[in-house]
Amino acid sequence: MLIKDIFQDIIELTDERWSHITREHPEVGIYKDRIQSVLSSPDYVKKSLRDTAVLLYYKFYDDIFDGKYFLVAVRKDLRSFILTCYISDIIKKGETLWEKK
């Protein structure tokens, strides 16, 4: 699956990564169709403190566990791809690259 993000970059979600994500975070399996929206229309995009090549895309959903963020972590390099996705109730610290106004 190829998805264009808020910065107009093409992000890949491979079958291998999706298998990893659903194995480690099975609760996100039913939300696969929302990944495109998280990447193309996020509430926040932060730069990871642990790895500056990784961007964290956050979008809040009222209907995920009574209100949580869906987080998609993307490694941006020559080939940009999704590392993982999970549900979070916090936004991590780090440089904000984009914020919905």
PDB file of N, CA and C in Angstrom:
ATOM      1  N   MET A   1       0.857  -1.178   0.000  1.00  0.00           N
ATOM      2  CA  MET A   1       0.000   0.000   0.000  1.00  0.00           C
ATOM      3  C   MET A   1       0.901   1.238   0.000  1.00  0.00           C
ATOM      4  N   LEU A   2       0.601   2.206  -0.871  1.00  0.00           N
ATOM      5  CA  LEU A   2       1.327   3.470  -0.933  1.00  0.00           C
ATOM      6  C   LEU A   2       0.374   4.591  -0.543  1.00  0.00           C
ATOM      7  N   ILE A   3       0.859   5.498   0.316  1.00  0.00           N
ATOM      8  CA  ILE A   3       0.029   6.585   0.841  1.00  0.00           C
ATOM      9  C   ILE A   3       0.814   7.886   0.747  1.00  0.00           C
ATOM     10  N   LYS A   4       0.145   8.954   0.318  1.00  0.00           N
ATOM     11  CA  LYS A   4       0.775  10.275   0.279  1.00  0.00           C
ATOM     12  C   LYS A   4       0.491  10.990   1.602  1.00  0.00           C
ATOM     13  N   ASP A   5       1.549  11.496   2.240  1.00  0.00           N
ATOM     14  CA  ASP A   5       1.372  12.150   3.537  1.00  0.00           C
ATOM     15  C   ASP A   5       1.111  13.647   3.384  1.00  0.00           C
ATOM     16  N   ILE A   6       0.981  14.327   4.498  1.00  0.00           N
ATOM     17  CA  ILE A   6       0.695  15.761   4.541  1.00  0.00           C
ATOM     18  C   ILE A   6       1.764  16.583   3.822  1.00  0.00           C
ATOM     19  N   PHE A   7       2.989  16.049   3.722  1.00  0.00           N
ATOM     20  CA  PHE A   7       4.098  16.739   3.064  1.00  0.00           C
ATOM     21  C   PHE A   7       4.239  16.338   1.589  1.00  0.00           C
ATOM     22  N   GLN A   8       3.262  15.558   1.097  1.00  0.00           N
ATOM     23  CA  GLN A   8       3.230  15.072  -0.293  1.00  0.00           C
ATOM     24  C   GLN A   8       4.313  14.029  -0.589  1.00  0.00           C
ATOM     25  N   ASP A   9       4.834  13.394   0.453  1.00  0.00           N
ATOM     26  CA  ASP A   9       5.790  12.295   0.287  1.00  0.00           C
ATOM     27  C   ASP A   9       5.023  10.975   0.206  1.00  0.00           C
ATOM     28  N   ILE A  10       5.563  10.020  -0.542  1.00  0.00           N
ATOM     29  CA  ILE A  10       4.944   8.703  -0.665  1.00  0.00           C
ATOM     30  C   ILE A  10       5.494   7.803   0.435  1.00  0.00           C
ATOM     31  N   ILE A  11       4.570   7.239   1.220  1.00  0.00           N
ATOM     32  CA  ILE A  11       4.899   6.355   2.339  1.00  0.00           C
ATOM     33  C   ILE A  11       4.389   4.963   2.005  1.00  0.00           C
ATOM     34  N   GLU A  12       5.210   3.953   2.275  1.00  0.00           N
ATOM     35  CA  GLU A  12       4.832   2.578   1.972  1.00  0.00           C
ATOM     36  C   GLU A  12       4.452   1.823   3.245  1.00  0.00           C
ATOM     37  N   LEU A  13       3.402   1.036   3.144  1.00  0.00           N
ATOM     38  CA  LEU A  13       3.054   0.076   4.196  1.00  0.00           C
ATOM     39  C   LEU A  13       3.189  -1.303   3.570  1.00  0.00           C
ATOM     40  N   THR A  14       4.239  -2.023   3.973  1.00  0.00           N
ATOM     41  CA  THR A  14       4.470  -3.357   3.417  1.00  0.00           C
ATOM     42  C   THR A  14       3.662  -4.404   4.181  1.00  0.00           C
ATOM     43  N   ASP A  15       3.469  -5.554   3.549  1.00  0.00           N
ATOM     44  CA  ASP A  15       2.778  -6.664   4.217  1.00  0.00           C
ATOM     45  C   ASP A  15       3.552  -7.107   5.449  1.00  0.00           C
ATOM     46  N   GLU A  16       4.890  -7.094   5.362  1.00  0.00           N
ATOM     47  CA  GLU A  16       5.732  -7.502   6.495  1.00  0.00           C
ATOM     48  C   GLU A  16       5.514  -6.575   7.683  1.00  0.00           C
ATOM     49  N   ARG A  17       5.467  -5.244   7.432  1.00  0.00           N
ATOM     50  CA  ARG A  17       5.266  -4.274   8.519  1.00  0.00           C
ATOM     51  C   ARG A  17       3.869  -4.423   9.108  1.00  0.00           C
ATOM     52  N   TRP A  18       2.863  -4.625   8.254  1.00  0.00           N
ATOM     53  CA  TRP A  18       1.501  -4.769   8.765  1.00  0.00           C
ATOM     54  C   TRP A  18       1.391  -6.014   9.638  1.00  0.00           C
ATOM     55  N   SER A  19       2.043  -7.093   9.245  1.00  0.00           N
ATOM     56  CA  SER A  19       2.055  -8.309  10.073  1.00  0.00           C
ATOM     57  C   SER A  19       2.697  -8.029  11.418  1.00  0.00           C
ATOM     58  N   HIS A  20       3.813  -7.314  11.411  1.00  0.00           N
ATOM     59  CA  HIS A  20       4.494  -6.943  12.662  1.00  0.00           C
ATOM     60  C   HIS A  20       3.572  -6.089  13.537  1.00  0.00           C
ATOM     61  N   ILE A  21       2.948  -5.072  12.924  1.00  0.00           N
ATOM     62  CA  ILE A  21       2.085  -4.153  13.666  1.00  0.00           C
ATOM     63  C   ILE A  21       0.932  -4.905  14.324  1.00  0.00           C
ATOM     64  N   THR A  22       0.252  -5.757  13.563  1.00  0.00           N
ATOM     65  CA  THR A  22      -0.914  -6.457  14.128  1.00  0.00           C
ATOM     66  C   THR A  22      -0.517  -7.539  15.128  1.00  0.00           C
ATOM     67  N   ARG A  23       0.708  -8.010  15.036  1.00  0.00           N
ATOM     68  CA  ARG A  23       1.207  -8.974  16.032  1.00  0.00           C
ATOM     69  C   ARG A  23       1.526  -8.243  17.347  1.00  0.00           C
ATOM     70  N   GLU A  24       2.179  -7.088  17.249  1.00  0.00           N
ATOM     71  CA  GLU A  24       2.582  -6.334  18.438  1.00  0.00           C
ATOM     72  C   GLU A  24       1.451  -5.476  19.013  1.00  0.00           C
ATOM     73  N   HIS A  25       0.568  -4.997  18.155  1.00  0.00           N
ATOM     74  CA  HIS A  25      -0.525  -4.096  18.562  1.00  0.00           C
ATOM     75  C   HIS A  25      -1.829  -4.553  17.909  1.00  0.00           C
ATOM     76  N   PRO A  26      -2.356  -5.701  18.323  1.00  0.00           N
ATOM     77  CA  PRO A  26      -3.533  -6.260  17.650  1.00  0.00           C
ATOM     78  C   PRO A  26      -4.754  -5.339  17.662  1.00  0.00           C
ATOM     79  N   GLU A  27      -4.818  -4.419  18.605  1.00  0.00           N
ATOM     80  CA  GLU A  27      -5.966  -3.512  18.691  1.00  0.00           C
ATOM     81  C   GLU A  27      -6.079  -2.575  17.492  1.00  0.00           C
ATOM     82  N   VAL A  28      -4.991  -2.376  16.734  1.00  0.00           N
ATOM     83  CA  VAL A  28      -5.065  -1.475  15.575  1.00  0.00           C
ATOM     84  C   VAL A  28      -5.535  -2.176  14.308  1.00  0.00           C
ATOM     85  N   GLY A  29      -5.642  -3.473  14.335  1.00  0.00           N
ATOM     86  CA  GLY A  29      -6.014  -4.234  13.137  1.00  0.00           C
ATOM     87  C   GLY A  29      -7.278  -3.758  12.465  1.00  0.00           C
ATOM     88  N   ILE A  30      -8.272  -3.390  13.254  1.00  0.00           N
ATOM     89  CA  ILE A  30      -9.552  -2.956  12.673  1.00  0.00           C
ATOM     90  C   ILE A  30      -9.505  -1.515  12.153  1.00  0.00           C
ATOM     91  N   TYR A  31      -8.406  -0.805  12.406  1.00  0.00           N
ATOM     92  CA  TYR A  31      -8.292   0.592  11.989  1.00  0.00           C
ATOM     93  C   TYR A  31      -7.340   0.804  10.804  1.00  0.00           C
ATOM     94  N   LYS A  32      -7.000  -0.244  10.088  1.00  0.00           N
ATOM     95  CA  LYS A  32      -6.065  -0.115   8.966  1.00  0.00           C
ATOM     96  C   LYS A  32      -6.524   0.941   7.963  1.00  0.00           C
ATOM     97  N   ASP A  33      -7.823   1.030   7.740  1.00  0.00           N
ATOM     98  CA  ASP A  33      -8.351   1.993   6.767  1.00  0.00           C
ATOM     99  C   ASP A  33      -8.151   3.447   7.197  1.00  0.00           C
ATOM    100  N   ARG A  34      -7.780   3.687   8.453  1.00  0.00           N
ATOM    101  CA  ARG A  34      -7.575   5.057   8.941  1.00  0.00           C
ATOM    102  C   ARG A  34      -6.130   5.536   8.779  1.00  0.00           C
ATOM    103  N   ILE A  35      -5.223   4.639   8.435  1.00  0.00           N
ATOM    104  CA  ILE A  35      -3.815   5.023   8.303  1.00  0.00           C
ATOM    105  C   ILE A  35      -3.648   6.136   7.274  1.00  0.00           C
ATOM    106  N   GLN A  36      -4.340   6.030   6.151  1.00  0.00           N
ATOM    107  CA  GLN A  36      -4.243   7.051   5.112  1.00  0.00           C
ATOM    108  C   GLN A  36      -4.648   8.423   5.650  1.00  0.00           C
ATOM    109  N   SER A  37      -5.706   8.479   6.415  1.00  0.00           N
ATOM    110  CA  SER A  37      -6.174   9.740   6.983  1.00  0.00           C
ATOM    111  C   SER A  37      -5.184  10.293   8.011  1.00  0.00           C
ATOM    112  N   VAL A  38      -4.604   9.425   8.819  1.00  0.00           N
ATOM    113  CA  VAL A  38      -3.614   9.869   9.809  1.00  0.00           C
ATOM    114  C   VAL A  38      -2.426  10.516   9.101  1.00  0.00           C
ATOM    115  N   LEU A  39      -1.956   9.900   8.016  1.00  0.00           N
ATOM    116  CA  LEU A  39      -0.796  10.429   7.295  1.00  0.00           C
ATOM    117  C   LEU A  39      -1.121  11.679   6.474  1.00  0.00           C
ATOM    118  N   SER A  40      -2.280  11.704   5.840  1.00  0.00           N
ATOM    119  CA  SER A  40      -2.607  12.819   4.945  1.00  0.00           C
ATOM    120  C   SER A  40      -3.244  14.008   5.657  1.00  0.00           C
ATOM    121  N   SER A  41      -3.838  13.763   6.822  1.00  0.00           N
ATOM    122  CA  SER A  41      -4.536  14.829   7.537  1.00  0.00           C
ATOM    123  C   SER A  41      -4.344  14.684   9.053  1.00  0.00           C
ATOM    124  N   PRO A  42      -3.091  14.707   9.525  1.00  0.00           N
ATOM    125  CA  PRO A  42      -2.843  14.494  10.956  1.00  0.00           C
ATOM    126  C   PRO A  42      -3.195  15.723  11.790  1.00  0.00           C
ATOM    127  N   ASP A  43      -3.313  15.520  13.097  1.00  0.00           N
ATOM    128  CA  ASP A  43      -3.454  16.637  14.027  1.00  0.00           C
ATOM    129  C   ASP A  43      -2.069  17.193  14.379  1.00  0.00           C
ATOM    130  N   TYR A  44      -1.098  16.288  14.495  1.00  0.00           N
ATOM    131  CA  TYR A  44       0.285  16.669  14.807  1.00  0.00           C
ATOM    132  C   TYR A  44       1.251  15.757  14.062  1.00  0.00           C
ATOM    133  N   VAL A  45       2.420  16.319  13.706  1.00  0.00           N
ATOM    134  CA  VAL A  45       3.547  15.511  13.232  1.00  0.00           C
ATOM    135  C   VAL A  45       4.741  15.951  14.064  1.00  0.00           C
ATOM    136  N   LYS A  46       5.350  14.982  14.750  1.00  0.00           N
ATOM    137  CA  LYS A  46       6.506  15.252  15.614  1.00  0.00           C
ATOM    138  C   LYS A  46       7.709  14.475  15.100  1.00  0.00           C
ATOM    139  N   LYS A  47       8.887  15.002  15.375  1.00  0.00           N
ATOM    140  CA  LYS A  47      10.121  14.284  15.070  1.00  0.00           C
ATOM    141  C   LYS A  47      10.460  13.443  16.294  1.00  0.00           C
ATOM    142  N   SER A  48      10.764  12.171  16.086  1.00  0.00           N
ATOM    143  CA  SER A  48      11.105  11.275  17.181  1.00  0.00           C
ATOM    144  C   SER A  48      12.376  11.742  17.883  1.00  0.00           C
ATOM    145  N   LEU A  49      12.372  11.691  19.200  1.00  0.00           N
ATOM    146  CA  LEU A  49      13.573  12.025  19.972  1.00  0.00           C
ATOM    147  C   LEU A  49      14.622  10.929  19.854  1.00  0.00           C
ATOM    148  N   ARG A  50      14.176   9.686  19.686  1.00  0.00           N
ATOM    149  CA  ARG A  50      15.100   8.550  19.606  1.00  0.00           C
ATOM    150  C   ARG A  50      15.790   8.410  18.260  1.00  0.00           C
ATOM    151  N   ASP A  51      15.089   8.775  17.191  1.00  0.00           N
ATOM    152  CA  ASP A  51      15.624   8.606  15.839  1.00  0.00           C
ATOM    153  C   ASP A  51      15.099   9.748  14.975  1.00  0.00           C
ATOM    154  N   THR A  52      15.973  10.672  14.598  1.00  0.00           N
ATOM    155  CA  THR A  52      15.538  11.863  13.863  1.00  0.00           C
ATOM    156  C   THR A  52      15.036  11.557  12.452  1.00  0.00           C
ATOM    157  N   ALA A  53      15.253  10.340  11.963  1.00  0.00           N
ATOM    158  CA  ALA A  53      14.714   9.941  10.657  1.00  0.00           C
ATOM    159  C   ALA A  53      13.280   9.438  10.774  1.00  0.00           C
ATOM    160  N   VAL A  54      12.759   9.380  11.992  1.00  0.00           N
ATOM    161  CA  VAL A  54      11.405   8.868  12.226  1.00  0.00           C
ATOM    162  C   VAL A  54      10.471  10.021  12.587  1.00  0.00           C
ATOM    163  N   LEU A  55       9.343  10.083  11.863  1.00  0.00           N
ATOM    164  CA  LEU A  55       8.305  11.059  12.158  1.00  0.00           C
ATOM    165  C   LEU A  55       7.107  10.345  12.771  1.00  0.00           C
ATOM    166  N   LEU A  56       6.470  11.014  13.719  1.00  0.00           N
ATOM    167  CA  LEU A  56       5.312  10.465  14.420  1.00  0.00           C
ATOM    168  C   LEU A  56       4.082  11.287  14.035  1.00  0.00           C
ATOM    169  N   TYR A  57       3.136  10.639  13.375  1.00  0.00           N
ATOM    170  CA  TYR A  57       1.895  11.273  12.917  1.00  0.00           C
ATOM    171  C   TYR A  57       0.782  10.904  13.893  1.00  0.00           C
ATOM    172  N   TYR A  58       0.085  11.912  14.402  1.00  0.00           N
ATOM    173  CA  TYR A  58      -0.987  11.697  15.378  1.00  0.00           C
ATOM    174  C   TYR A  58      -2.305  12.240  14.839  1.00  0.00           C
ATOM    175  N   LYS A  59      -3.359  11.482  15.047  1.00  0.00           N
ATOM    176  CA  LYS A  59      -4.708  11.969  14.737  1.00  0.00           C
ATOM    177  C   LYS A  59      -5.640  11.457  15.824  1.00  0.00           C
ATOM    178  N   PHE A  60      -6.439  12.364  16.376  1.00  0.00           N
ATOM    179  CA  PHE A  60      -7.358  12.013  17.458  1.00  0.00           C
ATOM    180  C   PHE A  60      -8.671  11.488  16.898  1.00  0.00           C
ATOM    181  N   TYR A  61      -9.155  10.412  17.499  1.00  0.00           N
ATOM    182  CA  TYR A  61     -10.446   9.823  17.126  1.00  0.00           C
ATOM    183  C   TYR A  61     -11.292   9.634  18.379  1.00  0.00           C
ATOM    184  N   ASP A  62     -12.495  10.194  18.370  1.00  0.00           N
ATOM    185  CA  ASP A  62     -13.425  10.044  19.496  1.00  0.00           C
ATOM    186  C   ASP A  62     -13.865   8.603  19.695  1.00  0.00           C
ATOM    187  N   ASP A  63     -13.918   7.837  18.590  1.00  0.00           N
ATOM    188  CA  ASP A  63     -14.481   6.487  18.672  1.00  0.00           C
ATOM    189  C   ASP A  63     -13.433   5.391  18.896  1.00  0.00           C
ATOM    190  N   ILE A  64     -12.202   5.746  19.147  1.00  0.00           N
ATOM    191  CA  ILE A  64     -11.187   4.747  19.500  1.00  0.00           C
ATOM    192  C   ILE A  64     -11.004   4.797  21.013  1.00  0.00           C
ATOM    193  N   PHE A  65     -11.474   3.772  21.695  1.00  0.00           N
ATOM    194  CA  PHE A  65     -11.370   3.668  23.156  1.00  0.00           C
ATOM    195  C   PHE A  65     -11.820   4.949  23.863  1.00  0.00           C
ATOM    196  N   ASP A  66     -12.972   5.470  23.482  1.00  0.00           N
ATOM    197  CA  ASP A  66     -13.549   6.678  24.088  1.00  0.00           C
ATOM    198  C   ASP A  66     -12.670   7.912  23.949  1.00  0.00           C
ATOM    199  N   GLY A  67     -11.846   7.958  22.920  1.00  0.00           N
ATOM    200  CA  GLY A  67     -11.045   9.141  22.637  1.00  0.00           C
ATOM    201  C   GLY A  67      -9.555   8.929  22.826  1.00  0.00           C
ATOM    202  N   LYS A  68      -8.879   8.558  21.757  1.00  0.00           N
ATOM    203  CA  LYS A  68      -7.424   8.328  21.793  1.00  0.00           C
ATOM    204  C   LYS A  68      -6.820   8.797  20.470  1.00  0.00           C
ATOM    205  N   TYR A  69      -5.500   8.924  20.498  1.00  0.00           N
ATOM    206  CA  TYR A  69      -4.753   9.226  19.278  1.00  0.00           C
ATOM    207  C   TYR A  69      -4.364   7.935  18.580  1.00  0.00           C
ATOM    208  N   PHE A  70      -4.460   7.946  17.274  1.00  0.00           N
ATOM    209  CA  PHE A  70      -3.907   6.876  16.438  1.00  0.00           C
ATOM    210  C   PHE A  70      -2.553   7.417  15.991  1.00  0.00           C
ATOM    211  N   LEU A  71      -1.491   6.737  16.351  1.00  0.00           N
ATOM    212  CA  LEU A  71      -0.142   7.165  16.026  1.00  0.00           C
ATOM    213  C   LEU A  71       0.434   6.268  14.941  1.00  0.00           C
ATOM    214  N   VAL A  72       1.007   6.879  13.911  1.00  0.00           N
ATOM    215  CA  VAL A  72       1.692   6.145  12.850  1.00  0.00           C
ATOM    216  C   VAL A  72       3.134   6.650  12.817  1.00  0.00           C
ATOM    217  N   ALA A  73       4.091   5.743  13.026  1.00  0.00           N
ATOM    218  CA  ALA A  73       5.517   6.075  13.001  1.00  0.00           C
ATOM    219  C   ALA A  73       6.078   5.725  11.627  1.00  0.00           C
ATOM    220  N   VAL A  74       6.720   6.718  10.991  1.00  0.00           N
ATOM    221  CA  VAL A  74       7.228   6.567   9.626  1.00  0.00           C
ATOM    222  C   VAL A  74       8.721   6.854   9.599  1.00  0.00           C
ATOM    223  N   ARG A  75       9.462   5.962   8.989  1.00  0.00           N
ATOM    224  CA  ARG A  75      10.890   6.207   8.753  1.00  0.00           C
ATOM    225  C   ARG A  75      11.009   6.884   7.396  1.00  0.00           C
ATOM    226  N   LYS A  76      11.551   8.109   7.407  1.00  0.00           N
ATOM    227  CA  LYS A  76      11.709   8.891   6.174  1.00  0.00           C
ATOM    228  C   LYS A  76      13.163   8.800   5.744  1.00  0.00           C
ATOM    229  N   ASP A  77      13.375   8.244   4.579  1.00  0.00           N
ATOM    230  CA  ASP A  77      14.714   8.054   4.047  1.00  0.00           C
ATOM    231  C   ASP A  77      14.596   8.022   2.533  1.00  0.00           C
ATOM    232  N   LEU A  78      15.541   7.380   1.866  1.00  0.00           N
ATOM    233  CA  LEU A  78      15.429   7.211   0.415  1.00  0.00           C
ATOM    234  C   LEU A  78      14.125   6.518   0.079  1.00  0.00           C
ATOM    235  N   ARG A  79      13.764   5.559   0.917  1.00  0.00           N
ATOM    236  CA  ARG A  79      12.475   4.865   0.818  1.00  0.00           C
ATOM    237  C   ARG A  79      11.768   5.106   2.144  1.00  0.00           C
ATOM    238  N   SER A  80      10.624   5.740   2.108  1.00  0.00           N
ATOM    239  CA  SER A  80       9.886   6.042   3.336  1.00  0.00           C
ATOM    240  C   SER A  80       8.837   4.973   3.579  1.00  0.00           C
ATOM    241  N   PHE A  81       8.790   4.483   4.816  1.00  0.00           N
ATOM    242  CA  PHE A  81       7.846   3.410   5.120  1.00  0.00           C
ATOM    243  C   PHE A  81       7.367   3.492   6.557  1.00  0.00           C
ATOM    244  N   ILE A  82       6.210   2.867   6.804  1.00  0.00           N
ATOM    245  CA  ILE A  82       5.619   2.815   8.133  1.00  0.00           C
ATOM    246  C   ILE A  82       6.360   1.773   8.954  1.00  0.00           C
ATOM    247  N   LEU A  83       6.835   2.213  10.123  1.00  0.00           N
ATOM    248  CA  LEU A  83       7.486   1.293  11.063  1.00  0.00           C
ATOM    249  C   LEU A  83       6.452   0.584  11.928  1.00  0.00           C
ATOM    250  N   THR A  84       5.553   1.372  12.510  1.00  0.00           N
ATOM    251  CA  THR A  84       4.548   0.817  13.404  1.00  0.00           C
ATOM    252  C   THR A  84       3.385   1.786  13.540  1.00  0.00           C
ATOM    253  N   CYS A  85       2.305   1.294  14.129  1.00  0.00           N
ATOM    254  CA  CYS A  85       1.122   2.097  14.469  1.00  0.00           C
ATOM    255  C   CYS A  85       0.641   1.608  15.821  1.00  0.00           C
ATOM    256  N   TYR A  86       0.120   2.513  16.598  1.00  0.00           N
ATOM    257  CA  TYR A  86      -0.508   2.095  17.843  1.00  0.00           C
ATOM    258  C   TYR A  86      -1.432   3.184  18.359  1.00  0.00           C
ATOM    259  N   ILE A  87      -2.205   2.850  19.370  1.00  0.00           N
ATOM    260  CA  ILE A  87      -3.144   3.771  19.989  1.00  0.00           C
ATOM    261  C   ILE A  87      -2.447   4.395  21.193  1.00  0.00           C
ATOM    262  N   SER A  88      -2.617   5.714  21.354  1.00  0.00           N
ATOM    263  CA  SER A  88      -1.944   6.426  22.441  1.00  0.00           C
ATOM    264  C   SER A  88      -2.866   7.490  23.017  1.00  0.00           C
ATOM    265  N   ASP A  89      -2.692   7.781  24.305  1.00  0.00           N
ATOM    266  CA  ASP A  89      -3.460   8.882  24.883  1.00  0.00           C
ATOM    267  C   ASP A  89      -2.589  10.111  25.114  1.00  0.00           C
ATOM    268  N   ILE A  90      -1.304  10.011  24.736  1.00  0.00           N
ATOM    269  CA  ILE A  90      -0.406  11.153  24.880  1.00  0.00           C
ATOM    270  C   ILE A  90       0.336  11.425  23.574  1.00  0.00           C
ATOM    271  N   ILE A  91       0.792  12.665  23.445  1.00  0.00           N
ATOM    272  CA  ILE A  91       1.658  13.040  22.335  1.00  0.00           C
ATOM    273  C   ILE A  91       3.058  13.154  22.911  1.00  0.00           C
ATOM    274  N   LYS A  92       3.990  12.449  22.309  1.00  0.00           N
ATOM    275  CA  LYS A  92       5.359  12.431  22.824  1.00  0.00           C
ATOM    276  C   LYS A  92       6.027  13.794  22.671  1.00  0.00           C
ATOM    277  N   LYS A  93       7.039  14.013  23.503  1.00  0.00           N
ATOM    278  CA  LYS A  93       7.839  15.230  23.406  1.00  0.00           C
ATOM    279  C   LYS A  93       8.684  15.156  22.148  1.00  0.00           C
ATOM    280  N   GLY A  94       9.115  16.315  21.707  1.00  0.00           N
ATOM    281  CA  GLY A  94       9.938  16.380  20.509  1.00  0.00           C
ATOM    282  C   GLY A  94       9.526  17.554  19.652  1.00  0.00           C
ATOM    283  N   GLU A  95      10.306  17.808  18.626  1.00  0.00           N
ATOM    284  CA  GLU A  95      10.051  18.930  17.735  1.00  0.00           C
ATOM    285  C   GLU A  95       8.763  18.706  16.951  1.00  0.00           C
ATOM    286  N   THR A  96       7.884  19.695  16.987  1.00  0.00           N
ATOM    287  CA  THR A  96       6.646  19.636  16.204  1.00  0.00           C
ATOM    288  C   THR A  96       6.930  20.156  14.810  1.00  0.00           C
ATOM    289  N   LEU A  97       6.712  19.310  13.802  1.00  0.00           N
ATOM    290  CA  LEU A  97       6.932  19.688  12.414  1.00  0.00           C
ATOM    291  C   LEU A  97       5.676  20.232  11.754  1.00  0.00           C
ATOM    292  N   TRP A  98       4.519  19.794  12.264  1.00  0.00           N
ATOM    293  CA  TRP A  98       3.237  20.229  11.707  1.00  0.00           C
ATOM    294  C   TRP A  98       2.178  20.107  12.772  1.00  0.00           C
ATOM    295  N   GLU A  99       1.281  21.089  12.830  1.00  0.00           N
ATOM    296  CA  GLU A  99       0.169  21.057  13.783  1.00  0.00           C
ATOM    297  C   GLU A  99      -1.071  21.600  13.100  1.00  0.00           C
ATOM    298  N   LYS A 100      -2.185  20.890  13.261  1.00  0.00           N
ATOM    299  CA  LYS A 100      -3.461  21.308  12.678  1.00  0.00           C
ATOM    300  C   LYS A 100      -3.930  22.552  13.410  1.00  0.00           C
ATOM    301  N   LYS A 101      -4.340  23.526  12.665  1.00  0.00           N
ATOM    302  CA  LYS A 101      -4.804  24.801  13.265  1.00  0.00           C
ATOM    303  C   LYS A 101      -6.316  24.869  13.253  1.00  0.00           C
TER     304      LYS A 101
END
